[in-house]
PDB file of all heavy atoms in Angstrom:
ATOM      1  N   MET A   1       3.278   1.652  -9.544  1.00  0.00           N
ATOM      2  CA  MET A   1       4.062   2.771  -9.985  1.00  0.00           C
ATOM      3  C   MET A   1       3.126   3.868 -10.632  1.00  0.00           C
ATOM      4  O   MET A   1       3.464   5.122 -10.490  1.00  0.00           O
ATOM      5  CB  MET A   1       5.034   2.330 -11.101  1.00  0.00           C
ATOM      6  CG  MET A   1       6.182   1.390 -10.560  1.00  0.00           C
ATOM      7  SD  MET A   1       6.986   0.574 -11.877  1.00  0.00           S
ATOM      8  CE  MET A   1       7.774   1.955 -12.774  1.00  0.00           C
ATOM      9  N   TYR A   2       2.045   3.488 -11.188  1.00  0.00           N
ATOM     10  CA  TYR A   2       1.130   4.482 -11.802  1.00  0.00           C
ATOM     11  C   TYR A   2       0.312   5.153 -10.709  1.00  0.00           C
ATOM     12  O   TYR A   2       0.114   6.382 -10.653  1.00  0.00           O
ATOM     13  CB  TYR A   2       0.273   3.836 -12.820  1.00  0.00           C
ATOM     14  CG  TYR A   2      -0.886   4.821 -13.365  1.00  0.00           C
ATOM     15  CD1 TYR A   2      -0.674   5.763 -14.278  1.00  0.00           C
ATOM     16  CD2 TYR A   2      -2.106   4.576 -12.925  1.00  0.00           C
ATOM     17  CE1 TYR A   2      -1.546   6.579 -14.722  1.00  0.00           C
ATOM     18  CE2 TYR A   2      -3.209   5.431 -13.383  1.00  0.00           C
ATOM     19  CZ  TYR A   2      -2.929   6.428 -14.251  1.00  0.00           C
ATOM     20  OH  TYR A   2      -3.928   7.213 -14.688  1.00  0.00           O
ATOM     21  N   ARG A   3      -0.341   4.266  -9.803  1.00  0.00           N
ATOM     22  CA  ARG A   3      -1.307   4.758  -8.846  1.00  0.00           C
ATOM     23  C   ARG A   3      -0.659   5.572  -7.758  1.00  0.00           C
ATOM     24  O   ARG A   3      -1.171   6.547  -7.192  1.00  0.00           O
ATOM     25  CB  ARG A   3      -2.067   3.638  -8.296  1.00  0.00           C
ATOM     26  CG  ARG A   3      -3.000   3.937  -7.107  1.00  0.00           C
ATOM     27  CD  ARG A   3      -4.166   4.880  -7.542  1.00  0.00           C
ATOM     28  NE  ARG A   3      -5.027   5.205  -6.454  1.00  0.00           N
ATOM     29  CZ  ARG A   3      -4.793   6.147  -5.647  1.00  0.00           C
ATOM     30  NH1 ARG A   3      -3.705   6.839  -5.613  1.00  0.00           N
ATOM     31  NH2 ARG A   3      -5.648   6.433  -4.601  1.00  0.00           N
ATOM     32  N   TYR A   4       0.562   5.163  -7.345  1.00  0.00           N
ATOM     33  CA  TYR A   4       1.190   5.757  -6.130  1.00  0.00           C
ATOM     34  C   TYR A   4       2.421   6.636  -6.481  1.00  0.00           C
ATOM     35  O   TYR A   4       3.286   6.871  -5.617  1.00  0.00           O
ATOM     36  CB  TYR A   4       1.501   4.712  -5.152  1.00  0.00           C
ATOM     37  CG  TYR A   4       0.298   3.949  -4.603  1.00  0.00           C
ATOM     38  CD1 TYR A   4       0.020   2.672  -5.124  1.00  0.00           C
ATOM     39  CD2 TYR A   4      -0.511   4.538  -3.662  1.00  0.00           C
ATOM     40  CE1 TYR A   4      -1.080   1.998  -4.583  1.00  0.00           C
ATOM     41  CE2 TYR A   4      -1.696   3.954  -3.283  1.00  0.00           C
ATOM     42  CZ  TYR A   4      -1.974   2.601  -3.699  1.00  0.00           C
ATOM     43  OH  TYR A   4      -3.084   2.054  -3.235  1.00  0.00           O
ATOM     44  N   ARG A   5       2.466   7.092  -7.725  1.00  0.00           N
ATOM     45  CA  ARG A   5       3.575   7.922  -8.061  1.00  0.00           C
ATOM     46  C   ARG A   5       3.265   9.289  -7.354  1.00  0.00           C
ATOM     47  O   ARG A   5       2.226   9.687  -6.996  1.00  0.00           O
ATOM     48  CB  ARG A   5       3.712   8.150  -9.590  1.00  0.00           C
ATOM     49  CG  ARG A   5       2.596   8.812 -10.172  1.00  0.00           C
ATOM     50  CD  ARG A   5       2.789   8.785 -11.759  1.00  0.00           C
ATOM     51  NE  ARG A   5       1.831   9.731 -12.464  1.00  0.00           N
ATOM     52  CZ  ARG A   5       0.597   9.437 -12.770  1.00  0.00           C
ATOM     53  NH1 ARG A   5       0.101   8.239 -12.361  1.00  0.00           N
ATOM     54  NH2 ARG A   5      -0.088  10.297 -13.431  1.00  0.00           N
ATOM     55  N   GLU A   6       4.366  10.064  -7.290  1.00  0.00           N
ATOM     56  CA  GLU A   6       4.335  11.367  -6.539  1.00  0.00           C
ATOM     57  C   GLU A   6       3.262  12.259  -7.090  1.00  0.00           C
ATOM     58  O   GLU A   6       2.577  12.959  -6.238  1.00  0.00           O
ATOM     59  CB  GLU A   6       5.773  12.034  -6.457  1.00  0.00           C
ATOM     60  CG  GLU A   6       5.720  13.188  -5.610  1.00  0.00           C
ATOM     61  CD  GLU A   6       7.175  13.864  -5.531  1.00  0.00           C
ATOM     62  OE1 GLU A   6       7.969  13.346  -6.323  1.00  0.00           O
ATOM     63  OE2 GLU A   6       7.358  14.774  -4.762  1.00  0.00           O
ATOM     64  N   ALA A   7       3.150  12.314  -8.339  1.00  0.00           N
ATOM     65  CA  ALA A   7       2.160  13.228  -8.960  1.00  0.00           C
ATOM     66  C   ALA A   7       0.766  12.921  -8.596  1.00  0.00           C
ATOM     67  O   ALA A   7      -0.073  13.917  -8.302  1.00  0.00           O
ATOM     68  CB  ALA A   7       2.313  13.312 -10.452  1.00  0.00           C
ATOM     69  N   ARG A   8       0.372  11.738  -8.389  1.00  0.00           N
ATOM     70  CA  ARG A   8      -1.013  11.369  -8.083  1.00  0.00           C
ATOM     71  C   ARG A   8      -1.183  11.135  -6.532  1.00  0.00           C
ATOM     72  O   ARG A   8      -2.269  11.147  -6.053  1.00  0.00           O
ATOM     73  CB  ARG A   8      -1.400  10.062  -8.795  1.00  0.00           C
ATOM     74  CG  ARG A   8      -1.638  10.286 -10.298  1.00  0.00           C
ATOM     75  CD  ARG A   8      -2.141   9.048 -10.908  1.00  0.00           C
ATOM     76  NE  ARG A   8      -3.266   8.383 -10.215  1.00  0.00           N
ATOM     77  CZ  ARG A   8      -4.555   8.642 -10.594  1.00  0.00           C
ATOM     78  NH1 ARG A   8      -4.792   9.484 -11.611  1.00  0.00           N
ATOM     79  NH2 ARG A   8      -5.526   8.089  -9.919  1.00  0.00           N
ATOM     80  N   ASN A   9      -0.100  10.882  -5.874  1.00  0.00           N
ATOM     81  CA  ASN A   9      -0.199  10.627  -4.437  1.00  0.00           C
ATOM     82  C   ASN A   9       0.947  11.403  -3.605  1.00  0.00           C
ATOM     83  O   ASN A   9       1.869  10.760  -3.170  1.00  0.00           O
ATOM     84  CB  ASN A   9       0.003   9.022  -4.251  1.00  0.00           C
ATOM     85  CG  ASN A   9      -0.420   8.584  -2.834  1.00  0.00           C
ATOM     86  OD1 ASN A   9      -1.545   8.917  -2.409  1.00  0.00           O
ATOM     87  ND2 ASN A   9       0.464   7.857  -2.225  1.00  0.00           N
ATOM     88  N   PRO A  10       0.800  12.627  -3.583  1.00  0.00           N
ATOM     89  CA  PRO A  10       1.786  13.426  -2.917  1.00  0.00           C
ATOM     90  C   PRO A  10       1.968  13.150  -1.482  1.00  0.00           C
ATOM     91  O   PRO A  10       2.940  13.372  -0.894  1.00  0.00           O
ATOM     92  CB  PRO A  10       1.330  14.892  -3.206  1.00  0.00           C
ATOM     93  CG  PRO A  10      -0.106  14.794  -3.409  1.00  0.00           C
ATOM     94  CD  PRO A  10      -0.358  13.501  -4.128  1.00  0.00           C
ATOM     95  N   THR A  11       0.844  12.688  -0.832  1.00  0.00           N
ATOM     96  CA  THR A  11       0.893  12.371   0.595  1.00  0.00           C
ATOM     97  C   THR A  11       0.808  10.869   0.823  1.00  0.00           C
ATOM     98  O   THR A  11      -0.247  10.317   0.704  1.00  0.00           O
ATOM     99  CB  THR A  11      -0.207  13.063   1.408  1.00  0.00           C
ATOM    100  OG1 THR A  11      -0.208  14.441   1.182  1.00  0.00           O
ATOM    101  CG2 THR A  11      -0.104  12.788   2.894  1.00  0.00           C
ATOM    102  N   PRO A  12       1.917  10.205   1.026  1.00  0.00           N
ATOM    103  CA  PRO A  12       1.876   8.743   1.062  1.00  0.00           C
ATOM    104  C   PRO A  12       1.248   8.205   2.237  1.00  0.00           C
ATOM    105  O   PRO A  12       1.175   8.932   3.387  1.00  0.00           O
ATOM    106  CB  PRO A  12       3.363   8.346   1.093  1.00  0.00           C
ATOM    107  CG  PRO A  12       4.074   9.522   1.608  1.00  0.00           C
ATOM    108  CD  PRO A  12       3.334  10.753   1.183  1.00  0.00           C
ATOM    109  N   SER A  13       0.603   7.063   2.240  1.00  0.00           N
ATOM    110  CA  SER A  13      -0.051   6.432   3.310  1.00  0.00           C
ATOM    111  C   SER A  13       1.043   5.959   4.348  1.00  0.00           C
ATOM    112  O   SER A  13       2.081   5.548   4.026  1.00  0.00           O
ATOM    113  CB  SER A  13      -0.869   5.216   2.891  1.00  0.00           C
ATOM    114  OG  SER A  13      -1.320   4.531   3.977  1.00  0.00           O
ATOM    115  N   ARG A  14       0.583   6.012   5.623  1.00  0.00           N
ATOM    116  CA  ARG A  14       1.485   5.534   6.718  1.00  0.00           C
ATOM    117  C   ARG A  14       1.038   4.144   7.271  1.00  0.00           C
ATOM    118  O   ARG A  14       1.453   3.724   8.252  1.00  0.00           O
ATOM    119  CB  ARG A  14       1.461   6.525   7.841  1.00  0.00           C
ATOM    120  CG  ARG A  14       2.118   7.877   7.464  1.00  0.00           C
ATOM    121  CD  ARG A  14       2.160   8.845   8.630  1.00  0.00           C
ATOM    122  NE  ARG A  14       2.828  10.093   8.213  1.00  0.00           N
ATOM    123  CZ  ARG A  14       4.089  10.338   8.262  1.00  0.00           C
ATOM    124  NH1 ARG A  14       4.866   9.399   8.691  1.00  0.00           N
ATOM    125  NH2 ARG A  14       4.565  11.506   7.896  1.00  0.00           N
ATOM    126  N   THR A  15       0.191   3.478   6.463  1.00  0.00           N
ATOM    127  CA  THR A  15      -0.215   2.195   6.867  1.00  0.00           C
ATOM    128  C   THR A  15       0.922   1.150   6.871  1.00  0.00           C
ATOM    129  O   THR A  15       1.697   1.021   5.913  1.00  0.00           O
ATOM    130  CB  THR A  15      -1.319   1.627   5.848  1.00  0.00           C
ATOM    131  OG1 THR A  15      -2.390   2.577   5.837  1.00  0.00           O
ATOM    132  CG2 THR A  15      -1.862   0.232   6.366  1.00  0.00           C
ATOM    133  N   SER A  16       1.109   0.503   7.913  1.00  0.00           N
ATOM    134  CA  SER A  16       2.312  -0.441   8.083  1.00  0.00           C
ATOM    135  C   SER A  16       1.802  -1.922   8.174  1.00  0.00           C
ATOM    136  O   SER A  16       2.632  -2.819   7.957  1.00  0.00           O
ATOM    137  CB  SER A  16       3.094  -0.141   9.363  1.00  0.00           C
ATOM    138  OG  SER A  16       2.248  -0.260  10.524  1.00  0.00           O
ATOM    139  N   HIS A  17       0.477  -2.142   8.435  1.00  0.00           N
ATOM    140  CA  HIS A  17       0.018  -3.498   8.460  1.00  0.00           C
ATOM    141  C   HIS A  17      -1.293  -3.599   7.868  1.00  0.00           C
ATOM    142  O   HIS A  17      -2.149  -2.614   7.976  1.00  0.00           O
ATOM    143  CB  HIS A  17      -0.056  -3.991   9.921  1.00  0.00           C
ATOM    144  CG  HIS A  17       1.307  -4.079  10.677  1.00  0.00           C
ATOM    145  ND1 HIS A  17       2.097  -5.133  10.487  1.00  0.00           N
ATOM    146  CD2 HIS A  17       1.884  -3.206  11.591  1.00  0.00           C
ATOM    147  CE1 HIS A  17       3.197  -4.887  11.230  1.00  0.00           C
ATOM    148  NE2 HIS A  17       3.030  -3.733  11.892  1.00  0.00           N
ATOM    149  N   HIS A  18      -1.572  -4.766   7.236  1.00  0.00           N
ATOM    150  CA  HIS A  18      -2.954  -4.989   6.640  1.00  0.00           C
ATOM    151  C   HIS A  18      -3.208  -6.444   6.755  1.00  0.00           C
ATOM    152  O   HIS A  18      -2.567  -7.259   6.039  1.00  0.00           O
ATOM    153  CB  HIS A  18      -2.948  -4.578   5.166  1.00  0.00           C
ATOM    154  CG  HIS A  18      -4.360  -4.517   4.616  1.00  0.00           C
ATOM    155  ND1 HIS A  18      -5.126  -5.631   4.345  1.00  0.00           N
ATOM    156  CD2 HIS A  18      -5.177  -3.431   4.286  1.00  0.00           C
ATOM    157  CE1 HIS A  18      -6.275  -5.308   3.895  1.00  0.00           C
ATOM    158  NE2 HIS A  18      -6.309  -3.959   3.861  1.00  0.00           N
ATOM    159  N   THR A  19      -4.052  -6.861   7.678  1.00  0.00           N
ATOM    160  CA  THR A  19      -4.293  -8.173   8.084  1.00  0.00           C
ATOM    161  C   THR A  19      -4.615  -9.127   6.841  1.00  0.00           C
ATOM    162  O   THR A  19      -4.103 -10.223   6.634  1.00  0.00           O
ATOM    163  CB  THR A  19      -5.389  -8.317   9.170  1.00  0.00           C
ATOM    164  OG1 THR A  19      -4.974  -7.523  10.293  1.00  0.00           O
ATOM    165  CG2 THR A  19      -5.575  -9.747   9.559  1.00  0.00           C
ATOM    166  N   VAL A  20      -5.519  -8.605   6.083  1.00  0.00           N
ATOM    167  CA  VAL A  20      -5.951  -9.425   4.930  1.00  0.00           C
ATOM    168  C   VAL A  20      -4.855  -9.680   3.897  1.00  0.00           C
ATOM    169  O   VAL A  20      -4.576 -10.843   3.418  1.00  0.00           O
ATOM    170  CB  VAL A  20      -7.157  -8.753   4.131  1.00  0.00           C
ATOM    171  CG1 VAL A  20      -7.550  -9.543   2.882  1.00  0.00           C
ATOM    172  CG2 VAL A  20      -8.381  -8.603   5.044  1.00  0.00           C
ATOM    173  N   LEU A  21      -4.051  -8.618   3.621  1.00  0.00           N
ATOM    174  CA  LEU A  21      -2.923  -8.788   2.723  1.00  0.00           C
ATOM    175  C   LEU A  21      -1.812  -9.774   3.280  1.00  0.00           C
ATOM    176  O   LEU A  21      -1.327 -10.550   2.528  1.00  0.00           O
ATOM    177  CB  LEU A  21      -2.295  -7.472   2.353  1.00  0.00           C
ATOM    178  CG  LEU A  21      -3.082  -6.493   1.382  1.00  0.00           C
ATOM    179  CD1 LEU A  21      -2.371  -5.233   1.183  1.00  0.00           C
ATOM    180  CD2 LEU A  21      -3.272  -7.207   0.067  1.00  0.00           C
ATOM    181  N   GLU A  22      -1.597  -9.624   4.573  1.00  0.00           N
ATOM    182  CA  GLU A  22      -0.545 -10.464   5.130  1.00  0.00           C
ATOM    183  C   GLU A  22      -0.948 -11.887   5.156  1.00  0.00           C
ATOM    184  O   GLU A  22      -0.095 -12.775   4.948  1.00  0.00           O
ATOM    185  CB  GLU A  22      -0.250  -9.959   6.505  1.00  0.00           C
ATOM    186  CG  GLU A  22       0.453  -8.523   6.565  1.00  0.00           C
ATOM    187  CD  GLU A  22       0.802  -8.101   7.925  1.00  0.00           C
ATOM    188  OE1 GLU A  22       0.464  -8.818   8.929  1.00  0.00           O
ATOM    189  OE2 GLU A  22       1.420  -7.028   8.153  1.00  0.00           O
ATOM    190  N   VAL A  23      -2.188 -12.183   5.420  1.00  0.00           N
ATOM    191  CA  VAL A  23      -2.722 -13.563   5.380  1.00  0.00           C
ATOM    192  C   VAL A  23      -2.682 -14.110   3.944  1.00  0.00           C
ATOM    193  O   VAL A  23      -2.226 -15.204   3.620  1.00  0.00           O
ATOM    194  CB  VAL A  23      -4.100 -13.662   5.958  1.00  0.00           C
ATOM    195  CG1 VAL A  23      -4.652 -15.007   5.654  1.00  0.00           C
ATOM    196  CG2 VAL A  23      -4.074 -13.369   7.442  1.00  0.00           C
ATOM    197  N   ALA A  24      -3.038 -13.212   3.002  1.00  0.00           N
ATOM    198  CA  ALA A  24      -3.086 -13.627   1.564  1.00  0.00           C
ATOM    199  C   ALA A  24      -1.706 -13.920   1.071  1.00  0.00           C
ATOM    200  O   ALA A  24      -1.526 -14.982   0.411  1.00  0.00           O
ATOM    201  CB  ALA A  24      -3.754 -12.451   0.749  1.00  0.00           C
ATOM    202  N   TRP A  25      -0.737 -13.079   1.295  1.00  0.00           N
ATOM    203  CA  TRP A  25       0.592 -13.300   0.754  1.00  0.00           C
ATOM    204  C   TRP A  25       1.325 -14.482   1.498  1.00  0.00           C
ATOM    205  O   TRP A  25       2.498 -14.804   1.178  1.00  0.00           O
ATOM    206  CB  TRP A  25       1.420 -12.111   0.523  1.00  0.00           C
ATOM    207  CG  TRP A  25       1.915 -11.386   1.756  1.00  0.00           C
ATOM    208  CD1 TRP A  25       2.518 -11.879   2.825  1.00  0.00           C
ATOM    209  CD2 TRP A  25       1.825  -9.962   1.905  1.00  0.00           C
ATOM    210  NE1 TRP A  25       2.807 -10.866   3.694  1.00  0.00           N
ATOM    211  CE2 TRP A  25       2.421  -9.633   3.163  1.00  0.00           C
ATOM    212  CE3 TRP A  25       1.392  -8.910   1.159  1.00  0.00           C
ATOM    213  CZ2 TRP A  25       2.482  -8.351   3.704  1.00  0.00           C
ATOM    214  CZ3 TRP A  25       1.449  -7.633   1.654  1.00  0.00           C
ATOM    215  CH2 TRP A  25       1.997  -7.428   2.925  1.00  0.00           C
ATOM    216  N   THR A  26       0.722 -14.921   2.554  1.00  0.00           N
ATOM    217  CA  THR A  26       1.313 -16.173   3.197  1.00  0.00           C
ATOM    218  C   THR A  26       0.635 -17.431   2.735  1.00  0.00           C
ATOM    219  O   THR A  26       1.256 -18.467   2.457  1.00  0.00           O
ATOM    220  CB  THR A  26       1.109 -16.015   4.767  1.00  0.00           C
ATOM    221  OG1 THR A  26       1.859 -14.831   5.172  1.00  0.00           O
ATOM    222  CG2 THR A  26       1.712 -17.177   5.465  1.00  0.00           C
ATOM    223  N   VAL A  27      -0.673 -17.350   2.671  1.00  0.00           N
ATOM    224  CA  VAL A  27      -1.469 -18.542   2.266  1.00  0.00           C
ATOM    225  C   VAL A  27      -1.333 -18.831   0.780  1.00  0.00           C
ATOM    226  O   VAL A  27      -1.156 -19.991   0.400  1.00  0.00           O
ATOM    227  CB  VAL A  27      -3.006 -18.308   2.604  1.00  0.00           C
ATOM    228  CG1 VAL A  27      -3.789 -19.475   2.039  1.00  0.00           C
ATOM    229  CG2 VAL A  27      -3.162 -18.246   4.112  1.00  0.00           C
TER     230      VAL A  27
END
């Protein structure tokens, strides 16, 4: 909420997949 609020991140990332994160939140 702090790092990616509109004031600090006006242009949001379009990343839809992250292999490391997806493996981590499964394992």
